[in-house]
Amino acid sequence: MIEAIEEKLKENIKCIHLDIIDESPNHGGYNGAVSHLKIIIVSDEFTNQSLINRHKLVYKAMGDFVAKIHAISIVSKTSNQWEDSSEYPNSPECAK
């Protein structure tokens, strides 16, 4: 599923950098299914876009996959922001 999401994002957003991390095993009740994702995406399409609008672009680009994932964490940066810092926050610990 992750590969298909990656394809979908690349089809719909001009990505400079894209990393999709499956965080599902870090959560209680993990059964092998993809349920928690962190998406790190860098695109100049995010220039002059608010954080909420950047996330809307990502959700729209993912299409039907959004409904299949329990939790999606998105780090969305422009190329300038990425050059300034490629760091992003760790996901919080899950209450197992």
PDB file of N, CA and C in Angstrom:
ATOM      1  N   MET A   1       0.814  -1.190   0.000  1.00  0.00           N
ATOM      2  CA  MET A   1       0.000   0.000   0.000  1.00  0.00           C
ATOM      3  C   MET A   1       0.868   1.268   0.000  1.00  0.00           C
ATOM      4  N   ILE A   2       1.978   1.230   0.718  1.00  0.00           N
ATOM      5  CA  ILE A   2       2.837   2.413   0.802  1.00  0.00           C
ATOM      6  C   ILE A   2       3.361   2.805  -0.582  1.00  0.00           C
ATOM      7  N   GLU A   3       3.738   1.817  -1.372  1.00  0.00           N
ATOM      8  CA  GLU A   3       4.235   2.111  -2.723  1.00  0.00           C
ATOM      9  C   GLU A   3       3.148   2.764  -3.568  1.00  0.00           C
ATOM     10  N   ALA A   4       1.911   2.299  -3.422  1.00  0.00           N
ATOM     11  CA  ALA A   4       0.799   2.867  -4.184  1.00  0.00           C
ATOM     12  C   ALA A   4       0.512   4.305  -3.737  1.00  0.00           C
ATOM     13  N   ILE A   5       0.618   4.563  -2.443  1.00  0.00           N
ATOM     14  CA  ILE A   5       0.430   5.926  -1.939  1.00  0.00           C
ATOM     15  C   ILE A   5       1.534   6.830  -2.466  1.00  0.00           C
ATOM     16  N   GLU A   6       2.760   6.327  -2.471  1.00  0.00           N
ATOM     17  CA  GLU A   6       3.881   7.101  -3.001  1.00  0.00           C
ATOM     18  C   GLU A   6       3.646   7.463  -4.467  1.00  0.00           C
ATOM     19  N   GLU A   7       3.203   6.496  -5.260  1.00  0.00           N
ATOM     20  CA  GLU A   7       2.907   6.751  -6.679  1.00  0.00           C
ATOM     21  C   GLU A   7       1.842   7.820  -6.825  1.00  0.00           C
ATOM     22  N   LYS A   8       0.783   7.687  -6.033  1.00  0.00           N
ATOM     23  CA  LYS A   8      -0.336   8.622  -6.107  1.00  0.00           C
ATOM     24  C   LYS A   8       0.125  10.044  -5.763  1.00  0.00           C
ATOM     25  N   LEU A   9       0.932  10.169  -4.718  1.00  0.00           N
ATOM     26  CA  LEU A   9       1.437  11.491  -4.342  1.00  0.00           C
ATOM     27  C   LEU A   9       2.313  12.073  -5.446  1.00  0.00           C
ATOM     28  N   LYS A  10       3.195  11.251  -6.002  1.00  0.00           N
ATOM     29  CA  LYS A  10       4.089  11.737  -7.055  1.00  0.00           C
ATOM     30  C   LYS A  10       3.334  12.092  -8.329  1.00  0.00           C
ATOM     31  N   GLU A  11       2.219  11.422  -8.588  1.00  0.00           N
ATOM     32  CA  GLU A  11       1.387  11.738  -9.758  1.00  0.00           C
ATOM     33  C   GLU A  11       0.716  13.101  -9.611  1.00  0.00           C
ATOM     34  N   ASN A  12       0.384  13.463  -8.378  1.00  0.00           N
ATOM     35  CA  ASN A  12      -0.440  14.644  -8.147  1.00  0.00           C
ATOM     36  C   ASN A  12       0.284  15.852  -7.567  1.00  0.00           C
ATOM     37  N   ILE A  13       1.475  15.639  -7.020  1.00  0.00           N
ATOM     38  CA  ILE A  13       2.258  16.740  -6.452  1.00  0.00           C
ATOM     39  C   ILE A  13       3.685  16.618  -6.976  1.00  0.00           C
ATOM     40  N   LYS A  14       4.252  17.723  -7.415  1.00  0.00           N
ATOM     41  CA  LYS A  14       5.651  17.724  -7.874  1.00  0.00           C
ATOM     42  C   LYS A  14       6.548  17.684  -6.644  1.00  0.00           C
ATOM     43  N   CYS A  15       6.983  16.486  -6.293  1.00  0.00           N
ATOM     44  CA  CYS A  15       7.760  16.279  -5.076  1.00  0.00           C
ATOM     45  C   CYS A  15       9.250  16.475  -5.320  1.00  0.00           C
ATOM     46  N   ILE A  16       9.868  17.236  -4.453  1.00  0.00           N
ATOM     47  CA  ILE A  16      11.319  17.381  -4.447  1.00  0.00           C
ATOM     48  C   ILE A  16      11.911  16.302  -3.559  1.00  0.00           C
ATOM     49  N   HIS A  17      11.179  15.984  -2.505  1.00  0.00           N
ATOM     50  CA  HIS A  17      11.563  14.917  -1.570  1.00  0.00           C
ATOM     51  C   HIS A  17      10.277  14.293  -1.052  1.00  0.00           C
ATOM     52  N   LEU A  18      10.264  12.973  -0.948  1.00  0.00           N
ATOM     53  CA  LEU A  18       9.107  12.276  -0.400  1.00  0.00           C
ATOM     54  C   LEU A  18       9.588  11.067   0.370  1.00  0.00           C
ATOM     55  N   ASP A  19       9.137  10.971   1.596  1.00  0.00           N
ATOM     56  CA  ASP A  19       9.453   9.812   2.420  1.00  0.00           C
ATOM     57  C   ASP A  19       8.169   9.427   3.148  1.00  0.00           C
ATOM     58  N   ILE A  20       7.813   8.158   3.064  1.00  0.00           N
ATOM     59  CA  ILE A  20       6.629   7.661   3.750  1.00  0.00           C
ATOM     60  C   ILE A  20       7.095   6.616   4.751  1.00  0.00           C
ATOM     61  N   ILE A  21       6.816   6.872   6.009  1.00  0.00           N
ATOM     62  CA  ILE A  21       7.270   5.993   7.085  1.00  0.00           C
ATOM     63  C   ILE A  21       6.065   5.275   7.678  1.00  0.00           C
ATOM     64  N   ASP A  22       6.126   3.958   7.693  1.00  0.00           N
ATOM     65  CA  ASP A  22       5.070   3.158   8.304  1.00  0.00           C
ATOM     66  C   ASP A  22       5.329   3.089   9.800  1.00  0.00           C
ATOM     67  N   GLU A  23       4.518   3.788  10.568  1.00  0.00           N
ATOM     68  CA  GLU A  23       4.658   3.804  12.020  1.00  0.00           C
ATOM     69  C   GLU A  23       3.678   2.836  12.692  1.00  0.00           C
ATOM     70  N   SER A  24       3.010   2.027  11.913  1.00  0.00           N
ATOM     71  CA  SER A  24       1.999   1.108  12.435  1.00  0.00           C
ATOM     72  C   SER A  24       2.535   0.185  13.528  1.00  0.00           C
ATOM     73  N   PRO A  25       3.739  -0.391  13.372  1.00  0.00           N
ATOM     74  CA  PRO A  25       4.223  -1.309  14.408  1.00  0.00           C
ATOM     75  C   PRO A  25       4.434  -0.647  15.770  1.00  0.00           C
ATOM     76  N   ASN A  26       4.478   0.668  15.820  1.00  0.00           N
ATOM     77  CA  ASN A  26       4.698   1.395  17.077  1.00  0.00           C
ATOM     78  C   ASN A  26       3.412   1.571  17.881  1.00  0.00           C
ATOM     79  N   HIS A  27       2.298   1.051  17.392  1.00  0.00           N
ATOM     80  CA  HIS A  27       1.008   1.302  18.015  1.00  0.00           C
ATOM     81  C   HIS A  27       0.366   0.020  18.517  1.00  0.00           C
ATOM     82  N   GLY A  28      -0.402   0.164  19.580  1.00  0.00           N
ATOM     83  CA  GLY A  28      -1.069  -0.972  20.198  1.00  0.00           C
ATOM     84  C   GLY A  28      -1.990  -1.688  19.229  1.00  0.00           C
ATOM     85  N   GLY A  29      -2.097  -2.984  19.391  1.00  0.00           N
ATOM     86  CA  GLY A  29      -2.977  -3.776  18.544  1.00  0.00           C
ATOM     87  C   GLY A  29      -2.460  -3.991  17.142  1.00  0.00           C
ATOM     88  N   TYR A  30      -1.170  -3.755  16.922  1.00  0.00           N
ATOM     89  CA  TYR A  30      -0.598  -3.913  15.581  1.00  0.00           C
ATOM     90  C   TYR A  30      -0.800  -5.339  15.079  1.00  0.00           C
ATOM     91  N   ASN A  31      -1.389  -5.449  13.883  1.00  0.00           N
ATOM     92  CA  ASN A  31      -1.673  -6.764  13.310  1.00  0.00           C
ATOM     93  C   ASN A  31      -1.028  -6.973  11.942  1.00  0.00           C
ATOM     94  N   GLY A  32      -0.076  -6.122  11.613  1.00  0.00           N
ATOM     95  CA  GLY A  32       0.594  -6.227  10.326  1.00  0.00           C
ATOM     96  C   GLY A  32       0.036  -5.307   9.254  1.00  0.00           C
ATOM     97  N   ALA A  33      -1.112  -4.703   9.520  1.00  0.00           N
ATOM     98  CA  ALA A  33      -1.726  -3.803   8.538  1.00  0.00           C
ATOM     99  C   ALA A  33      -1.130  -2.399   8.654  1.00  0.00           C
ATOM    100  N   VAL A  34      -1.124  -1.686   7.542  1.00  0.00           N
ATOM    101  CA  VAL A  34      -0.677  -0.292   7.537  1.00  0.00           C
ATOM    102  C   VAL A  34      -1.815   0.558   8.096  1.00  0.00           C
ATOM    103  N   SER A  35      -1.573   1.172   9.250  1.00  0.00           N
ATOM    104  CA  SER A  35      -2.623   1.970   9.887  1.00  0.00           C
ATOM    105  C   SER A  35      -2.154   3.373  10.278  1.00  0.00           C
ATOM    106  N   HIS A  36      -0.844   3.563  10.454  1.00  0.00           N
ATOM    107  CA  HIS A  36      -0.284   4.848  10.886  1.00  0.00           C
ATOM    108  C   HIS A  36       0.883   5.210   9.964  1.00  0.00           C
ATOM    109  N   LEU A  37       0.777   6.361   9.315  1.00  0.00           N
ATOM    110  CA  LEU A  37       1.835   6.801   8.402  1.00  0.00           C
ATOM    111  C   LEU A  37       2.336   8.184   8.781  1.00  0.00           C
ATOM    112  N   LYS A  38       3.616   8.390   8.543  1.00  0.00           N
ATOM    113  CA  LYS A  38       4.203   9.731   8.585  1.00  0.00           C
ATOM    114  C   LYS A  38       4.672  10.009   7.165  1.00  0.00           C
ATOM    115  N   ILE A  39       4.205  11.114   6.616  1.00  0.00           N
ATOM    116  CA  ILE A  39       4.571  11.511   5.254  1.00  0.00           C
ATOM    117  C   ILE A  39       5.405  12.778   5.345  1.00  0.00           C
ATOM    118  N   ILE A  40       6.637  12.694   4.862  1.00  0.00           N
ATOM    119  CA  ILE A  40       7.501  13.863   4.773  1.00  0.00           C
ATOM    120  C   ILE A  40       7.545  14.221   3.292  1.00  0.00           C
ATOM    121  N   ILE A  41       7.012  15.370   2.978  1.00  0.00           N
ATOM    122  CA  ILE A  41       6.892  15.758   1.575  1.00  0.00           C
ATOM    123  C   ILE A  41       7.384  17.189   1.379  1.00  0.00           C
ATOM    124  N   VAL A  42       8.224  17.363   0.378  1.00  0.00           N
ATOM    125  CA  VAL A  42       8.784  18.668   0.053  1.00  0.00           C
ATOM    126  C   VAL A  42       8.364  19.006  -1.374  1.00  0.00           C
ATOM    127  N   SER A  43       7.724  20.151  -1.523  1.00  0.00           N
ATOM    128  CA  SER A  43       7.266  20.590  -2.838  1.00  0.00           C
ATOM    129  C   SER A  43       7.139  22.104  -2.848  1.00  0.00           C
ATOM    130  N   ASP A  44       7.502  22.702  -3.952  1.00  0.00           N
ATOM    131  CA  ASP A  44       7.323  24.147  -4.070  1.00  0.00           C
ATOM    132  C   ASP A  44       5.869  24.501  -4.363  1.00  0.00           C
ATOM    133  N   GLU A  45       5.012  23.493  -4.550  1.00  0.00           N
ATOM    134  CA  GLU A  45       3.578  23.747  -4.634  1.00  0.00           C
ATOM    135  C   GLU A  45       3.031  24.243  -3.293  1.00  0.00           C
ATOM    136  N   PHE A  46       3.794  24.056  -2.227  1.00  0.00           N
ATOM    137  CA  PHE A  46       3.380  24.503  -0.900  1.00  0.00           C
ATOM    138  C   PHE A  46       3.719  25.969  -0.635  1.00  0.00           C
ATOM    139  N   THR A  47       4.447  26.608  -1.546  1.00  0.00           N
ATOM    140  CA  THR A  47       4.826  28.003  -1.371  1.00  0.00           C
ATOM    141  C   THR A  47       3.573  28.865  -1.215  1.00  0.00           C
ATOM    142  N   ASN A  48       3.590  29.723  -0.209  1.00  0.00           N
ATOM    143  CA  ASN A  48       2.484  30.639   0.105  1.00  0.00           C
ATOM    144  C   ASN A  48       1.195  29.919   0.494  1.00  0.00           C
ATOM    145  N   GLN A  49       1.297  28.644   0.859  1.00  0.00           N
ATOM    146  CA  GLN A  49       0.135  27.880   1.317  1.00  0.00           C
ATOM    147  C   GLN A  49       0.197  27.741   2.840  1.00  0.00           C
ATOM    148  N   SER A  50      -0.937  27.871   3.492  1.00  0.00           N
ATOM    149  CA  SER A  50      -0.993  27.636   4.937  1.00  0.00           C
ATOM    150  C   SER A  50      -0.781  26.145   5.196  1.00  0.00           C
ATOM    151  N   LEU A  51      -0.477  25.812   6.439  1.00  0.00           N
ATOM    152  CA  LEU A  51      -0.279  24.417   6.805  1.00  0.00           C
ATOM    153  C   LEU A  51      -1.517  23.586   6.488  1.00  0.00           C
ATOM    154  N   ILE A  52      -2.685  24.103   6.803  1.00  0.00           N
ATOM    155  CA  ILE A  52      -3.926  23.360   6.548  1.00  0.00           C
ATOM    156  C   ILE A  52      -4.126  23.135   5.051  1.00  0.00           C
ATOM    157  N   ASN A  53      -3.797  24.136   4.226  1.00  0.00           N
ATOM    158  CA  ASN A  53      -3.956  23.968   2.781  1.00  0.00           C
ATOM    159  C   ASN A  53      -2.936  22.988   2.217  1.00  0.00           C
ATOM    160  N   ARG A  54      -1.744  22.958   2.790  1.00  0.00           N
ATOM    161  CA  ARG A  54      -0.744  21.969   2.376  1.00  0.00           C
ATOM    162  C   ARG A  54      -1.261  20.567   2.661  1.00  0.00           C
ATOM    163  N   HIS A  55      -1.825  20.383   3.855  1.00  0.00           N
ATOM    164  CA  HIS A  55      -2.356  19.073   4.222  1.00  0.00           C
ATOM    165  C   HIS A  55      -3.528  18.687   3.323  1.00  0.00           C
ATOM    166  N   LYS A  56      -4.368  19.658   2.994  1.00  0.00           N
ATOM    167  CA  LYS A  56      -5.488  19.386   2.088  1.00  0.00           C
ATOM    168  C   LYS A  56      -4.980  18.904   0.733  1.00  0.00           C
ATOM    169  N   LEU A  57      -3.897  19.522   0.239  1.00  0.00           N
ATOM    170  CA  LEU A  57      -3.316  19.090  -1.036  1.00  0.00           C
ATOM    171  C   LEU A  57      -2.833  17.641  -0.956  1.00  0.00           C
ATOM    172  N   VAL A  58      -2.207  17.290   0.158  1.00  0.00           N
ATOM    173  CA  VAL A  58      -1.712  15.918   0.339  1.00  0.00           C
ATOM    174  C   VAL A  58      -2.875  14.939   0.413  1.00  0.00           C
ATOM    175  N   TYR A  59      -3.891  15.268   1.221  1.00  0.00           N
ATOM    176  CA  TYR A  59      -5.054  14.384   1.334  1.00  0.00           C
ATOM    177  C   TYR A  59      -5.737  14.196  -0.021  1.00  0.00           C
ATOM    178  N   LYS A  60      -5.900  15.294  -0.758  1.00  0.00           N
ATOM    179  CA  LYS A  60      -6.531  15.209  -2.072  1.00  0.00           C
ATOM    180  C   LYS A  60      -5.694  14.328  -3.009  1.00  0.00           C
ATOM    181  N   ALA A  61      -4.384  14.497  -2.970  1.00  0.00           N
ATOM    182  CA  ALA A  61      -3.502  13.711  -3.827  1.00  0.00           C
ATOM    183  C   ALA A  61      -3.555  12.225  -3.484  1.00  0.00           C
ATOM    184  N   MET A  62      -3.762  11.907  -2.204  1.00  0.00           N
ATOM    185  CA  MET A  62      -3.832  10.507  -1.772  1.00  0.00           C
ATOM    186  C   MET A  62      -5.130   9.829  -2.192  1.00  0.00           C
ATOM    187  N   GLY A  63      -6.147  10.603  -2.456  1.00  0.00           N
ATOM    188  CA  GLY A  63      -7.426  10.043  -2.892  1.00  0.00           C
ATOM    189  C   GLY A  63      -8.029   9.094  -1.863  1.00  0.00           C
ATOM    190  N   ASP A  64      -8.482   7.934  -2.326  1.00  0.00           N
ATOM    191  CA  ASP A  64      -9.177   6.958  -1.486  1.00  0.00           C
ATOM    192  C   ASP A  64      -8.301   6.347  -0.395  1.00  0.00           C
ATOM    193  N   PHE A  65      -6.992   6.487  -0.513  1.00  0.00           N
ATOM    194  CA  PHE A  65      -6.108   5.911   0.501  1.00  0.00           C
ATOM    195  C   PHE A  65      -6.300   6.561   1.871  1.00  0.00           C
ATOM    196  N   VAL A  66      -6.733   7.816   1.899  1.00  0.00           N
ATOM    197  CA  VAL A  66      -6.915   8.525   3.167  1.00  0.00           C
ATOM    198  C   VAL A  66      -7.881   7.748   4.071  1.00  0.00           C
ATOM    199  N   ALA A  67      -8.942   7.223   3.505  1.00  0.00           N
ATOM    200  CA  ALA A  67      -9.951   6.511   4.285  1.00  0.00           C
ATOM    201  C   ALA A  67      -9.453   5.162   4.797  1.00  0.00           C
ATOM    202  N   LYS A  68      -8.361   4.664   4.239  1.00  0.00           N
ATOM    203  CA  LYS A  68      -7.850   3.342   4.620  1.00  0.00           C
ATOM    204  C   LYS A  68      -6.801   3.409   5.725  1.00  0.00           C
ATOM    205  N   ILE A  69      -6.380   4.619   6.091  1.00  0.00           N
ATOM    206  CA  ILE A  69      -5.332   4.810   7.090  1.00  0.00           C
ATOM    207  C   ILE A  69      -5.962   5.416   8.346  1.00  0.00           C
ATOM    208  N   HIS A  70      -5.651   4.857   9.490  1.00  0.00           N
ATOM    209  CA  HIS A  70      -6.201   5.342  10.754  1.00  0.00           C
ATOM    210  C   HIS A  70      -5.622   6.709  11.141  1.00  0.00           C
ATOM    211  N   ALA A  71      -4.294   6.884  10.971  1.00  0.00           N
ATOM    212  CA  ALA A  71      -3.639   8.134  11.369  1.00  0.00           C
ATOM    213  C   ALA A  71      -2.560   8.497  10.361  1.00  0.00           C
ATOM    214  N   ILE A  72      -2.571   9.772   9.944  1.00  0.00           N
ATOM    215  CA  ILE A  72      -1.581  10.271   8.996  1.00  0.00           C
ATOM    216  C   ILE A  72      -0.953  11.523   9.586  1.00  0.00           C
ATOM    217  N   SER A  73       0.355  11.490   9.731  1.00  0.00           N
ATOM    218  CA  SER A  73       1.115  12.653  10.179  1.00  0.00           C
ATOM    219  C   SER A  73       1.822  13.205   8.950  1.00  0.00           C
ATOM    220  N   ILE A  74       1.669  14.501   8.701  1.00  0.00           N
ATOM    221  CA  ILE A  74       2.243  15.102   7.496  1.00  0.00           C
ATOM    222  C   ILE A  74       3.233  16.190   7.876  1.00  0.00           C
ATOM    223  N   VAL A  75       4.427  16.087   7.320  1.00  0.00           N
ATOM    224  CA  VAL A  75       5.425  17.154   7.394  1.00  0.00           C
ATOM    225  C   VAL A  75       5.529  17.687   5.968  1.00  0.00           C
ATOM    226  N   SER A  76       5.069  18.917   5.757  1.00  0.00           N
ATOM    227  CA  SER A  76       5.051  19.499   4.413  1.00  0.00           C
ATOM    228  C   SER A  76       5.892  20.765   4.400  1.00  0.00           C
ATOM    229  N   LYS A  77       6.904  20.757   3.549  1.00  0.00           N
ATOM    230  CA  LYS A  77       7.817  21.897   3.473  1.00  0.00           C
ATOM    231  C   LYS A  77       8.066  22.286   2.020  1.00  0.00           C
ATOM    232  N   THR A  78       8.428  23.553   1.838  1.00  0.00           N
ATOM    233  CA  THR A  78       8.898  24.003   0.531  1.00  0.00           C
ATOM    234  C   THR A  78      10.381  23.642   0.414  1.00  0.00           C
ATOM    235  N   SER A  79      10.951  23.775  -0.765  1.00  0.00           N
ATOM    236  CA  SER A  79      12.376  23.456  -0.929  1.00  0.00           C
ATOM    237  C   SER A  79      13.246  24.377  -0.068  1.00  0.00           C
ATOM    238  N   ASN A  80      12.876  25.650   0.051  1.00  0.00           N
ATOM    239  CA  ASN A  80      13.645  26.572   0.901  1.00  0.00           C
ATOM    240  C   ASN A  80      13.574  26.167   2.364  1.00  0.00           C
ATOM    241  N   GLN A  81      12.404  25.786   2.824  1.00  0.00           N
ATOM    242  CA  GLN A  81      12.261  25.338   4.209  1.00  0.00           C
ATOM    243  C   GLN A  81      13.068  24.066   4.456  1.00  0.00           C
ATOM    244  N   TRP A  82      13.078  23.172   3.478  1.00  0.00           N
ATOM    245  CA  TRP A  82      13.816  21.912   3.592  1.00  0.00           C
ATOM    246  C   TRP A  82      15.315  22.173   3.624  1.00  0.00           C
ATOM    247  N   GLU A  83      15.771  23.125   2.808  1.00  0.00           N
ATOM    248  CA  GLU A  83      17.192  23.485   2.812  1.00  0.00           C
ATOM    249  C   GLU A  83      17.589  24.096   4.153  1.00  0.00           C
ATOM    250  N   ASP A  84      16.691  24.895   4.735  1.00  0.00           N
ATOM    251  CA  ASP A  84      16.962  25.500   6.042  1.00  0.00           C
ATOM    252  C   ASP A  84      17.037  24.434   7.131  1.00  0.00           C
ATOM    253  N   SER A  85      16.150  23.445   7.052  1.00  0.00           N
ATOM    254  CA  SER A  85      16.147  22.371   8.050  1.00  0.00           C
ATOM    255  C   SER A  85      15.349  21.182   7.531  1.00  0.00           C
ATOM    256  N   SER A  86      16.032  20.055   7.442  1.00  0.00           N
ATOM    257  CA  SER A  86      15.343  18.832   7.028  1.00  0.00           C
ATOM    258  C   SER A  86      14.868  18.034   8.243  1.00  0.00           C
ATOM    259  N   GLU A  87      14.889  18.661   9.391  1.00  0.00           N
ATOM    260  CA  GLU A  87      14.430  17.997  10.618  1.00  0.00           C
ATOM    261  C   GLU A  87      12.905  18.075  10.707  1.00  0.00           C
ATOM    262  N   TYR A  88      12.340  17.133  11.432  1.00  0.00           N
ATOM    263  CA  TYR A  88      10.909  17.126  11.675  1.00  0.00           C
ATOM    264  C   TYR A  88      10.675  16.443  13.018  1.00  0.00           C
ATOM    265  N   PRO A  89       9.556  16.757  13.674  1.00  0.00           N
ATOM    266  CA  PRO A  89       9.310  16.202  15.004  1.00  0.00           C
ATOM    267  C   PRO A  89       9.047  14.696  14.965  1.00  0.00           C
ATOM    268  N   ASN A  90       9.477  14.024  16.024  1.00  0.00           N
ATOM    269  CA  ASN A  90       9.144  12.613  16.176  1.00  0.00           C
ATOM    270  C   ASN A  90       7.676  12.487  16.518  1.00  0.00           C
ATOM    271  N   SER A  91       7.110  11.380  16.155  1.00  0.00           N
ATOM    272  CA  SER A  91       5.718  11.123  16.521  1.00  0.00           C
ATOM    273  C   SER A  91       5.654  10.816  18.016  1.00  0.00           C
ATOM    274  N   PRO A  92       4.550  11.176  18.648  1.00  0.00           N
ATOM    275  CA  PRO A  92       4.421  10.890  20.079  1.00  0.00           C
ATOM    276  C   PRO A  92       4.350   9.385  20.330  1.00  0.00           C
ATOM    277  N   GLU A  93       4.732   8.995  21.532  1.00  0.00           N
ATOM    278  CA  GLU A  93       4.628   7.589  21.925  1.00  0.00           C
ATOM    279  C   GLU A  93       3.165   7.189  21.975  1.00  0.00           C
ATOM    280  N   CYS A  94       2.886   5.993  21.561  1.00  0.00           N
ATOM    281  CA  CYS A  94       1.530   5.480  21.578  1.00  0.00           C
ATOM    282  C   CYS A  94       1.237   4.824  22.920  1.00  0.00           C
ATOM    283  N   ALA A  95       0.048   5.072  23.426  1.00  0.00           N
ATOM    284  CA  ALA A  95      -0.390   4.371  24.647  1.00  0.00           C
ATOM    285  C   ALA A  95      -0.827   2.975  24.232  1.00  0.00           C
ATOM    286  N   LYS A  96       0.003   2.002  24.545  1.00  0.00           N
ATOM    287  CA  LYS A  96      -0.278   0.637  24.084  1.00  0.00           C
ATOM    288  C   LYS A  96      -1.228  -0.090  24.974  1.00  0.00           C
TER     289      LYS A  96
END
